Amino acid sequence: MTHETMLSFDAFSRHWAAEKPDEVALEEGEKQATFAELDRGSGQAIALLGEMGVTRGGRVAPQGKNAKI
């Protein structure tokens, strides 16, 4: 898959939140998050990155321990 054909995480979460908002997107043990919840969280992360100066098409790399949902 090339960079041009890759779906952004934002587009991915919006698509599935619209198609199946209540379906489980993430699961860890007893905890679950739906596609709608994933979309809300990604929107919040995108807004925060924008406040930090990251622009559309910019690249970021997460660093840290695995987080519980």
PDB file of N, CA and C in Angstrom:
ATOM      1  N   MET A   1       0.846  -1.180   0.000  1.00  0.00           N
ATOM      2  CA  MET A   1       0.000   0.000   0.000  1.00  0.00           C
ATOM      3  C   MET A   1       0.887   1.238   0.000  1.00  0.00           C
ATOM      4  N   THR A   2       0.603   2.144  -0.888  1.00  0.00           N
ATOM      5  CA  THR A   2       1.403   3.357  -0.963  1.00  0.00           C
ATOM      6  C   THR A   2       0.826   4.435  -0.060  1.00  0.00           C
ATOM      7  N   HIS A   3       1.606   5.476   0.172  1.00  0.00           N
ATOM      8  CA  HIS A   3       1.154   6.591   0.996  1.00  0.00           C
ATOM      9  C   HIS A   3      -0.128   7.198   0.428  1.00  0.00           C
ATOM     10  N   GLU A   4      -0.258   7.258  -0.879  1.00  0.00           N
ATOM     11  CA  GLU A   4      -1.414   7.866  -1.516  1.00  0.00           C
ATOM     12  C   GLU A   4      -2.691   7.062  -1.294  1.00  0.00           C
ATOM     13  N   THR A   5      -2.588   5.743  -1.122  1.00  0.00           N
ATOM     14  CA  THR A   5      -3.776   4.916  -0.970  1.00  0.00           C
ATOM     15  C   THR A   5      -4.085   4.593   0.492  1.00  0.00           C
ATOM     16  N   MET A   6      -3.242   5.003   1.397  1.00  0.00           N
ATOM     17  CA  MET A   6      -3.473   4.719   2.806  1.00  0.00           C
ATOM     18  C   MET A   6      -4.606   5.588   3.343  1.00  0.00           C
ATOM     19  N   LEU A   7      -5.461   5.005   4.145  1.00  0.00           N
ATOM     20  CA  LEU A   7      -6.562   5.715   4.764  1.00  0.00           C
ATOM     21  C   LEU A   7      -6.066   6.312   6.076  1.00  0.00           C
ATOM     22  N   SER A   8      -6.308   7.599   6.285  1.00  0.00           N
ATOM     23  CA  SER A   8      -5.878   8.217   7.540  1.00  0.00           C
ATOM     24  C   SER A   8      -6.689   7.635   8.690  1.00  0.00           C
ATOM     25  N   PHE A   9      -6.132   7.694   9.887  1.00  0.00           N
ATOM     26  CA  PHE A   9      -6.854   7.184  11.041  1.00  0.00           C
ATOM     27  C   PHE A   9      -8.145   7.970  11.236  1.00  0.00           C
ATOM     28  N   ASP A  10      -8.096   9.272  10.996  1.00  0.00           N
ATOM     29  CA  ASP A  10      -9.277  10.127  11.102  1.00  0.00           C
ATOM     30  C   ASP A  10     -10.375   9.637  10.157  1.00  0.00           C
ATOM     31  N   ALA A  11     -10.024   9.392   8.913  1.00  0.00           N
ATOM     32  CA  ALA A  11     -11.003   8.917   7.927  1.00  0.00           C
ATOM     33  C   ALA A  11     -11.525   7.527   8.304  1.00  0.00           C
ATOM     34  N   PHE A  12     -10.640   6.678   8.786  1.00  0.00           N
ATOM     35  CA  PHE A  12     -11.027   5.329   9.219  1.00  0.00           C
ATOM     36  C   PHE A  12     -12.052   5.403  10.350  1.00  0.00           C
ATOM     37  N   SER A  13     -11.747   6.197  11.376  1.00  0.00           N
ATOM     38  CA  SER A  13     -12.648   6.247  12.529  1.00  0.00           C
ATOM     39  C   SER A  13     -13.983   6.902  12.166  1.00  0.00           C
ATOM     40  N   ARG A  14     -13.963   7.946  11.341  1.00  0.00           N
ATOM     41  CA  ARG A  14     -15.220   8.586  10.917  1.00  0.00           C
ATOM     42  C   ARG A  14     -16.083   7.618  10.116  1.00  0.00           C
ATOM     43  N   HIS A  15     -15.446   6.884   9.198  1.00  0.00           N
ATOM     44  CA  HIS A  15     -16.187   5.927   8.361  1.00  0.00           C
ATOM     45  C   HIS A  15     -16.901   4.883   9.215  1.00  0.00           C
ATOM     46  N   TRP A  16     -16.157   4.225  10.098  1.00  0.00           N
ATOM     47  CA  TRP A  16     -16.756   3.146  10.875  1.00  0.00           C
ATOM     48  C   TRP A  16     -17.695   3.654  11.960  1.00  0.00           C
ATOM     49  N   ALA A  17     -17.470   4.862  12.466  1.00  0.00           N
ATOM     50  CA  ALA A  17     -18.411   5.445  13.426  1.00  0.00           C
ATOM     51  C   ALA A  17     -19.749   5.716  12.745  1.00  0.00           C
ATOM     52  N   ALA A  18     -19.721   6.092  11.469  1.00  0.00           N
ATOM     53  CA  ALA A  18     -20.958   6.322  10.718  1.00  0.00           C
ATOM     54  C   ALA A  18     -21.639   5.010  10.337  1.00  0.00           C
ATOM     55  N   GLU A  19     -20.841   4.006   9.965  1.00  0.00           N
ATOM     56  CA  GLU A  19     -21.391   2.721   9.515  1.00  0.00           C
ATOM     57  C   GLU A  19     -21.905   1.855  10.668  1.00  0.00           C
ATOM     58  N   LYS A  20     -21.106   1.761  11.740  1.00  0.00           N
ATOM     59  CA  LYS A  20     -21.433   0.852  12.842  1.00  0.00           C
ATOM     60  C   LYS A  20     -21.018   1.478  14.180  1.00  0.00           C
ATOM     61  N   PRO A  21     -21.696   2.555  14.584  1.00  0.00           N
ATOM     62  CA  PRO A  21     -21.261   3.309  15.763  1.00  0.00           C
ATOM     63  C   PRO A  21     -21.213   2.503  17.062  1.00  0.00           C
ATOM     64  N   ASP A  22     -22.100   1.532  17.211  1.00  0.00           N
ATOM     65  CA  ASP A  22     -22.176   0.794  18.471  1.00  0.00           C
ATOM     66  C   ASP A  22     -21.417  -0.529  18.464  1.00  0.00           C
ATOM     67  N   GLU A  23     -20.762  -0.833  17.343  1.00  0.00           N
ATOM     68  CA  GLU A  23     -19.985  -2.070  17.263  1.00  0.00           C
ATOM     69  C   GLU A  23     -18.642  -1.888  17.966  1.00  0.00           C
ATOM     70  N   VAL A  24     -18.177  -2.949  18.611  1.00  0.00           N
ATOM     71  CA  VAL A  24     -16.920  -2.882  19.352  1.00  0.00           C
ATOM     72  C   VAL A  24     -15.743  -2.730  18.382  1.00  0.00           C
ATOM     73  N   ALA A  25     -14.923  -1.701  18.620  1.00  0.00           N
ATOM     74  CA  ALA A  25     -13.747  -1.427  17.790  1.00  0.00           C
ATOM     75  C   ALA A  25     -12.474  -1.907  18.465  1.00  0.00           C
ATOM     76  N   LEU A  26     -12.411  -1.741  19.776  1.00  0.00           N
ATOM     77  CA  LEU A  26     -11.238  -2.128  20.558  1.00  0.00           C
ATOM     78  C   LEU A  26     -11.689  -2.917  21.774  1.00  0.00           C
ATOM     79  N   GLU A  27     -10.875  -3.900  22.141  1.00  0.00           N
ATOM     80  CA  GLU A  27     -11.221  -4.708  23.295  1.00  0.00           C
ATOM     81  C   GLU A  27      -9.939  -5.125  24.002  1.00  0.00           C
ATOM     82  N   GLU A  28      -9.949  -4.959  25.311  1.00  0.00           N
ATOM     83  CA  GLU A  28      -8.831  -5.415  26.126  1.00  0.00           C
ATOM     84  C   GLU A  28      -9.414  -5.984  27.408  1.00  0.00           C
ATOM     85  N   GLY A  29      -9.341  -7.298  27.538  1.00  0.00           N
ATOM     86  CA  GLY A  29      -9.944  -7.937  28.701  1.00  0.00           C
ATOM     87  C   GLY A  29     -11.433  -7.648  28.743  1.00  0.00           C
ATOM     88  N   GLU A  30     -11.893  -7.081  29.855  1.00  0.00           N
ATOM     89  CA  GLU A  30     -13.308  -6.758  30.027  1.00  0.00           C
ATOM     90  C   GLU A  30     -13.685  -5.400  29.439  1.00  0.00           C
ATOM     91  N   LYS A  31     -12.695  -4.590  29.093  1.00  0.00           N
ATOM     92  CA  LYS A  31     -12.963  -3.235  28.600  1.00  0.00           C
ATOM     93  C   LYS A  31     -13.163  -3.233  27.090  1.00  0.00           C
ATOM     94  N   GLN A  32     -14.117  -2.405  26.660  1.00  0.00           N
ATOM     95  CA  GLN A  32     -14.411  -2.283  25.238  1.00  0.00           C
ATOM     96  C   GLN A  32     -14.621  -0.819  24.877  1.00  0.00           C
ATOM     97  N   ALA A  33     -14.358  -0.489  23.633  1.00  0.00           N
ATOM     98  CA  ALA A  33     -14.654   0.840  23.091  1.00  0.00           C
ATOM     99  C   ALA A  33     -15.326   0.639  21.736  1.00  0.00           C
ATOM    100  N   THR A  34     -16.407   1.366  21.510  1.00  0.00           N
ATOM    101  CA  THR A  34     -17.130   1.267  20.240  1.00  0.00           C
ATOM    102  C   THR A  34     -16.461   2.145  19.181  1.00  0.00           C
ATOM    103  N   PHE A  35     -16.899   1.980  17.935  1.00  0.00           N
ATOM    104  CA  PHE A  35     -16.373   2.834  16.869  1.00  0.00           C
ATOM    105  C   PHE A  35     -16.719   4.297  17.126  1.00  0.00           C
ATOM    106  N   ALA A  36     -17.901   4.579  17.688  1.00  0.00           N
ATOM    107  CA  ALA A  36     -18.266   5.961  18.004  1.00  0.00           C
ATOM    108  C   ALA A  36     -17.322   6.535  19.058  1.00  0.00           C
ATOM    109  N   GLU A  37     -17.005   5.752  20.086  1.00  0.00           N
ATOM    110  CA  GLU A  37     -16.080   6.207  21.123  1.00  0.00           C
ATOM    111  C   GLU A  37     -14.682   6.412  20.558  1.00  0.00           C
ATOM    112  N   LEU A  38     -14.260   5.510  19.690  1.00  0.00           N
ATOM    113  CA  LEU A  38     -12.956   5.633  19.042  1.00  0.00           C
ATOM    114  C   LEU A  38     -12.892   6.910  18.212  1.00  0.00           C
ATOM    115  N   ASP A  39     -13.974   7.208  17.495  1.00  0.00           N
ATOM    116  CA  ASP A  39     -14.021   8.414  16.677  1.00  0.00           C
ATOM    117  C   ASP A  39     -13.952   9.677  17.539  1.00  0.00           C
ATOM    118  N   ARG A  40     -14.688   9.702  18.646  1.00  0.00           N
ATOM    119  CA  ARG A  40     -14.626  10.862  19.543  1.00  0.00           C
ATOM    120  C   ARG A  40     -13.206  11.048  20.084  1.00  0.00           C
ATOM    121  N   GLY A  41     -12.583   9.956  20.497  1.00  0.00           N
ATOM    122  CA  GLY A  41     -11.218  10.038  21.022  1.00  0.00           C
ATOM    123  C   GLY A  41     -10.221  10.486  19.978  1.00  0.00           C
ATOM    124  N   SER A  42     -10.373  10.006  18.752  1.00  0.00           N
ATOM    125  CA  SER A  42      -9.437  10.419  17.704  1.00  0.00           C
ATOM    126  C   SER A  42      -9.632  11.886  17.363  1.00  0.00           C
ATOM    127  N   GLY A  43     -10.891  12.348  17.398  1.00  0.00           N
ATOM    128  CA  GLY A  43     -11.159  13.770  17.154  1.00  0.00           C
ATOM    129  C   GLY A  43     -10.504  14.650  18.207  1.00  0.00           C
ATOM    130  N   GLN A  44     -10.548  14.207  19.451  1.00  0.00           N
ATOM    131  CA  GLN A  44      -9.901  14.953  20.532  1.00  0.00           C
ATOM    132  C   GLN A  44      -8.390  14.974  20.348  1.00  0.00           C
ATOM    133  N   ALA A  45      -7.825  13.835  19.956  1.00  0.00           N
ATOM    134  CA  ALA A  45      -6.375  13.762  19.729  1.00  0.00           C
ATOM    135  C   ALA A  45      -5.951  14.661  18.567  1.00  0.00           C
ATOM    136  N   ILE A  46      -6.744  14.676  17.504  1.00  0.00           N
ATOM    137  CA  ILE A  46      -6.448  15.522  16.339  1.00  0.00           C
ATOM    138  C   ILE A  46      -6.486  16.992  16.728  1.00  0.00           C
ATOM    139  N   ALA A  47      -7.481  17.375  17.532  1.00  0.00           N
ATOM    140  CA  ALA A  47      -7.573  18.767  17.978  1.00  0.00           C
ATOM    141  C   ALA A  47      -6.361  19.148  18.817  1.00  0.00           C
ATOM    142  N   LEU A  48      -5.944  18.274  19.710  1.00  0.00           N
ATOM    143  CA  LEU A  48      -4.776  18.539  20.547  1.00  0.00           C
ATOM    144  C   LEU A  48      -3.507  18.665  19.709  1.00  0.00           C
ATOM    145  N   LEU A  49      -3.342  17.774  18.740  1.00  0.00           N
ATOM    146  CA  LEU A  49      -2.169  17.855  17.864  1.00  0.00           C
ATOM    147  C   LEU A  49      -2.169  19.166  17.079  1.00  0.00           C
ATOM    148  N   GLY A  50      -3.346  19.601  16.630  1.00  0.00           N
ATOM    149  CA  GLY A  50      -3.451  20.875  15.922  1.00  0.00           C
ATOM    150  C   GLY A  50      -3.032  22.036  16.804  1.00  0.00           C
ATOM    151  N   GLU A  51      -3.436  21.991  18.081  1.00  0.00           N
ATOM    152  CA  GLU A  51      -3.033  23.037  19.026  1.00  0.00           C
ATOM    153  C   GLU A  51      -1.521  23.054  19.227  1.00  0.00           C
ATOM    154  N   MET A  52      -0.899  21.896  19.016  1.00  0.00           N
ATOM    155  CA  MET A  52       0.552  21.787  19.189  1.00  0.00           C
ATOM    156  C   MET A  52       1.311  22.129  17.903  1.00  0.00           C
ATOM    157  N   GLY A  53       0.573  22.483  16.843  1.00  0.00           N
ATOM    158  CA  GLY A  53       1.217  22.900  15.609  1.00  0.00           C
ATOM    159  C   GLY A  53       1.326  21.845  14.529  1.00  0.00           C
ATOM    160  N   VAL A  54       0.783  20.650  14.767  1.00  0.00           N
ATOM    161  CA  VAL A  54       0.816  19.607  13.749  1.00  0.00           C
ATOM    162  C   VAL A  54      -0.265  19.919  12.714  1.00  0.00           C
ATOM    163  N   THR A  55       0.104  19.926  11.446  1.00  0.00           N
ATOM    164  CA  THR A  55      -0.837  20.231  10.374  1.00  0.00           C
ATOM    165  C   THR A  55      -1.230  18.968   9.622  1.00  0.00           C
ATOM    166  N   ARG A  56      -2.304  19.071   8.842  1.00  0.00           N
ATOM    167  CA  ARG A  56      -2.785  17.925   8.057  1.00  0.00           C
ATOM    168  C   ARG A  56      -1.644  17.380   7.206  1.00  0.00           C
ATOM    169  N   GLY A  57      -1.465  16.076   7.252  1.00  0.00           N
ATOM    170  CA  GLY A  57      -0.394  15.429   6.496  1.00  0.00           C
ATOM    171  C   GLY A  57       0.900  15.334   7.282  1.00  0.00           C
ATOM    172  N   GLY A  58       0.953  16.021   8.426  1.00  0.00           N
ATOM    173  CA  GLY A  58       2.138  15.938   9.277  1.00  0.00           C
ATOM    174  C   GLY A  58       2.238  14.548   9.884  1.00  0.00           C
ATOM    175  N   ARG A  59       3.415  14.190  10.264  1.00  0.00           N
ATOM    176  CA  ARG A  59       3.624  12.856  10.836  1.00  0.00           C
ATOM    177  C   ARG A  59       3.952  12.962  12.311  1.00  0.00           C
ATOM    178  N   VAL A  60       3.377  12.043  13.058  1.00  0.00           N
ATOM    179  CA  VAL A  60       3.646  11.970  14.483  1.00  0.00           C
ATOM    180  C   VAL A  60       3.970  10.518  14.820  1.00  0.00           C
ATOM    181  N   ALA A  61       4.684  10.319  15.890  1.00  0.00           N
ATOM    182  CA  ALA A  61       5.026   8.964  16.335  1.00  0.00           C
ATOM    183  C   ALA A  61       4.702   8.842  17.815  1.00  0.00           C
ATOM    184  N   PRO A  62       3.785   7.948  18.162  1.00  0.00           N
ATOM    185  CA  PRO A  62       3.485   7.756  19.578  1.00  0.00           C
ATOM    186  C   PRO A  62       4.650   7.062  20.272  1.00  0.00           C
ATOM    187  N   GLN A  63       4.837   7.387  21.528  1.00  0.00           N
ATOM    188  CA  GLN A  63       5.896   6.771  22.305  1.00  0.00           C
ATOM    189  C   GLN A  63       5.376   6.579  23.710  1.00  0.00           C
ATOM    190  N   GLY A  64       5.569   5.421  24.259  1.00  0.00           N
ATOM    191  CA  GLY A  64       5.143   5.171  25.628  1.00  0.00           C
ATOM    192  C   GLY A  64       4.704   3.731  25.807  1.00  0.00           C
ATOM    193  N   LYS A  65       4.214   3.455  27.000  1.00  0.00           N
ATOM    194  CA  LYS A  65       3.733   2.115  27.324  1.00  0.00           C
ATOM    195  C   LYS A  65       2.366   1.895  26.701  1.00  0.00           C
ATOM    196  N   ASN A  66       2.014   0.641  26.513  1.00  0.00           N
ATOM    197  CA  ASN A  66       0.664   0.312  26.049  1.00  0.00           C
ATOM    198  C   ASN A  66      -0.318   0.831  27.078  1.00  0.00           C
ATOM    199  N   ALA A  67      -1.390   1.440  26.630  1.00  0.00           N
ATOM    200  CA  ALA A  67      -2.377   2.019  27.534  1.00  0.00           C
ATOM    201  C   ALA A  67      -3.616   1.134  27.598  1.00  0.00           C
ATOM    202  N   LYS A  68      -4.257   1.150  28.735  1.00  0.00           N
ATOM    203  CA  LYS A  68      -5.551   0.487  28.882  1.00  0.00           C
ATOM    204  C   LYS A  68      -6.608   1.421  28.317  1.00  0.00           C
ATOM    205  N   ILE A  69      -7.627   0.859  27.691  1.00  0.00           N
ATOM    206  CA  ILE A  69      -8.688   1.701  27.146  1.00  0.00           C
ATOM    207  C   ILE A  69      -9.688   2.052  28.216  1.00  0.00           C
TER     208      ILE A  69
END
